[in-house]
Amino acid sequence: MDLRAILKSLKLGIMLRPQLKDDGDFANNTYFDTQGLAAVLVLLVVGDLDAAVGSTAEDAAPKLEECDTSGGTYADITGAALSAVISATDDNKLYGIFLDLAKTHKRYVKVNAPHAGNGTTGANLAIIAIGFPADVLPSNAAGMGLAELISA
């Protein structure tokens, strides 16, 4: 499959619009619908930081949750968390969590309550999702230009 065909077959979504937050939860965190996909790569796009970024609190590593319905109760996805929080010195990096949807994942996924610690200015963050049909899957962290890639 050539690159043009691959790009046309991807499903893209904004899960968290780009924003600056200091000492609290980022606003408008939303889900990504995985219906009809074989895999999803969730990218945490980090800008300038002077505060840590985590899930629910700045001392908990960012993680993904899943649910059967968009507005239901979301539960953690086993193995779908970064290895650590995004520290206040991890400026301008990409972090990825890759979901193989063949592993009985539910239809809707989202990042669990992205949260910025208390800094002088805070943390710049955006989260996007890239959905892959069955015949188009990414390879590894280095090949994607990521600081870290977690597969779940």
Protein backbone atom coordinates (compact mmCIF):
# COMPACT_ATOMS: atom_id res chain seq x y z
CA MET A 1 0.00 0.00 0.00
CA ASP A 2 1.47 3.40 -0.95
CA LEU A 3 1.69 6.34 1.47
CA ARG A 4 -1.20 8.23 -0.12
CA ALA A 5 -3.54 5.25 0.32
CA ILE A 6 -2.38 4.80 3.93
CA LEU A 7 -3.03 8.45 4.79
CA LYS A 8 -6.49 8.39 3.21
CA SER A 9 -7.46 5.33 5.25
CA LEU A 10 -6.60 6.77 8.69
CA LYS A 11 -9.22 8.11 11.10
CA LEU A 12 -8.05 11.19 13.04
CA GLY A 13 -9.54 12.80 16.12
CA ILE A 14 -8.82 15.53 18.66
CA MET A 15 -9.29 14.16 22.16
CA LEU A 16 -8.00 17.27 23.95
CA ARG A 17 -7.68 20.57 22.11
CA PRO A 18 -4.35 22.38 22.58
CA GLN A 19 -4.36 24.34 25.81
CA LEU A 20 -2.34 25.70 28.71
CA LYS A 21 -3.31 24.58 32.21
CA ASP A 22 -1.80 25.25 35.60
CA ASP A 23 -2.80 23.36 38.73
CA GLY A 24 -5.90 21.43 37.65
CA ASP A 25 -7.66 19.28 35.06
CA PHE A 26 -7.46 20.18 31.38
CA ALA A 27 -10.83 21.22 29.91
CA ASN A 28 -12.91 19.39 27.28
CA ASN A 29 -11.21 16.00 27.45
CA THR A 30 -13.25 13.71 25.18
CA TYR A 31 -13.44 10.19 23.77
CA PHE A 32 -12.40 8.62 20.46
CA ASP A 33 -14.76 6.19 18.69
CA THR A 34 -12.84 3.10 17.54
CA GLN A 35 -15.67 1.44 15.60
CA GLY A 36 -14.35 -0.31 12.48
CA LEU A 37 -10.68 0.09 13.40
CA ALA A 38 -7.95 -2.45 14.10
CA ALA A 39 -5.73 -0.17 16.19
CA VAL A 40 -5.48 3.31 17.67
CA LEU A 41 -2.44 5.42 18.47
CA VAL A 42 -3.18 8.09 21.09
CA LEU A 43 -0.59 10.88 20.98
CA LEU A 44 0.01 13.24 23.88
CA VAL A 45 1.54 16.33 22.29
CA VAL A 46 3.49 18.20 24.95
CA GLY A 47 4.57 21.83 24.57
CA ASP A 48 6.35 24.08 27.05
CA LEU A 49 6.07 22.86 30.66
CA ASP A 50 6.92 24.01 34.13
CA ALA A 51 4.47 21.61 35.77
CA ALA A 52 4.08 17.83 35.56
CA VAL A 53 1.21 16.21 33.62
CA GLY A 54 -0.61 13.09 34.78
CA SER A 55 -4.05 11.46 34.99
CA THR A 56 -6.34 12.71 37.78
CA ALA A 57 -3.28 14.17 39.58
CA GLU A 58 0.23 15.20 38.57
CA ASP A 59 1.75 12.20 40.37
CA ALA A 60 -0.16 9.51 38.38
CA ALA A 61 1.06 8.50 34.90
CA PRO A 62 -1.29 9.39 32.03
CA LYS A 63 -3.47 6.40 31.12
CA LEU A 64 -6.30 5.35 28.84
CA GLU A 65 -9.79 4.25 29.78
CA GLU A 66 -12.51 2.50 27.76
CA CYS A 67 -16.29 2.16 27.70
CA ASP A 68 -19.02 0.51 25.61
CA THR A 69 -20.92 3.81 25.31
CA SER A 70 -19.63 7.35 24.84
CA GLY A 71 -21.31 8.68 27.98
CA GLY A 72 -20.96 5.64 30.23
CA THR A 73 -18.61 4.78 33.05
CA TYR A 74 -15.05 4.40 31.79
CA ALA A 75 -12.62 1.82 33.21
CA ASP A 76 -8.82 1.66 33.00
CA ILE A 77 -7.30 -0.30 30.12
CA THR A 78 -4.73 -2.75 31.46
CA GLY A 79 -1.24 -1.86 30.26
CA ALA A 80 -2.35 1.43 28.66
CA ALA A 81 -0.46 3.90 30.86
CA LEU A 82 2.80 5.70 30.31
CA SER A 83 5.67 4.44 32.45
CA ALA A 84 5.69 7.67 34.50
CA VAL A 85 4.18 11.13 34.69
CA ILE A 86 5.27 13.67 32.10
CA SER A 87 7.68 15.72 34.18
CA ALA A 88 7.96 19.50 34.26
CA THR A 89 11.19 19.21 32.24
CA ASP A 90 9.80 17.02 29.42
CA ASP A 91 9.06 20.00 27.15
CA ASN A 92 8.20 19.57 23.47
CA LYS A 93 7.92 15.77 23.28
CA LEU A 94 5.42 13.29 21.88
CA TYR A 95 4.17 10.33 23.93
CA GLY A 96 2.15 7.51 22.43
CA ILE A 97 -0.11 4.76 23.69
CA PHE A 98 -0.91 2.15 21.05
CA LEU A 99 -4.06 0.02 21.39
CA ASP A 100 -4.43 -3.22 19.48
CA LEU A 101 -8.21 -3.41 19.22
CA ALA A 102 -8.10 -7.16 18.60
CA LYS A 103 -7.45 -7.50 22.36
CA THR A 104 -11.16 -7.09 23.21
CA HIS A 105 -11.02 -3.35 23.83
CA LYS A 106 -14.32 -1.48 24.06
CA ARG A 107 -15.59 0.95 21.43
CA TYR A 108 -14.80 4.29 23.12
CA VAL A 109 -11.43 5.31 24.57
CA LYS A 110 -10.19 8.45 26.31
CA VAL A 111 -7.32 9.66 28.46
CA ASN A 112 -8.19 9.53 32.16
CA ALA A 113 -8.63 13.13 33.44
CA PRO A 114 -5.48 14.83 32.10
CA HIS A 115 -4.17 17.04 34.93
CA ALA A 116 -1.43 19.66 35.28
CA GLY A 117 0.52 20.26 38.46
CA ASN A 118 1.17 23.64 40.01
CA GLY A 119 3.83 25.64 38.20
CA THR A 120 4.49 29.25 37.33
CA THR A 121 2.76 29.09 33.96
CA GLY A 122 1.67 25.42 33.75
CA ALA A 123 1.65 22.81 31.00
CA ASN A 124 0.80 22.99 27.31
CA LEU A 125 -0.88 19.80 26.08
CA ALA A 126 -2.98 18.46 23.23
CA ILE A 127 -4.11 14.87 22.67
CA ILE A 128 -4.93 13.39 19.28
CA ALA A 129 -5.92 9.91 18.13
CA ILE A 130 -4.98 8.14 14.93
CA GLY A 131 -7.15 5.17 14.02
CA PHE A 132 -5.79 2.46 11.75
CA PRO A 133 -7.80 0.04 9.62
CA ALA A 134 -6.67 -3.59 9.67
CA ASP A 135 -4.14 -3.28 6.83
CA VAL A 136 -2.31 -0.15 8.12
CA LEU A 137 -0.48 -0.37 11.47
CA PRO A 138 2.46 1.68 12.92
CA SER A 139 5.78 0.09 13.87
CA ASN A 140 7.79 1.38 16.88
CA ALA A 141 8.47 4.49 19.00
CA ALA A 142 11.70 5.52 17.29
CA GLY A 143 10.20 5.09 13.85
CA MET A 144 7.32 7.36 14.83
CA GLY A 145 9.53 10.04 16.43
CA LEU A 146 8.08 9.45 19.92
CA ALA A 147 9.76 9.77 23.30
CA GLU A 148 7.79 6.73 24.52
CA LEU A 149 5.30 4.28 23.00
CA ILE A 150 3.16 1.99 25.16
CA SER A 151 1.23 -0.90 23.54
CA ALA A 152 -1.85 -2.32 25.24
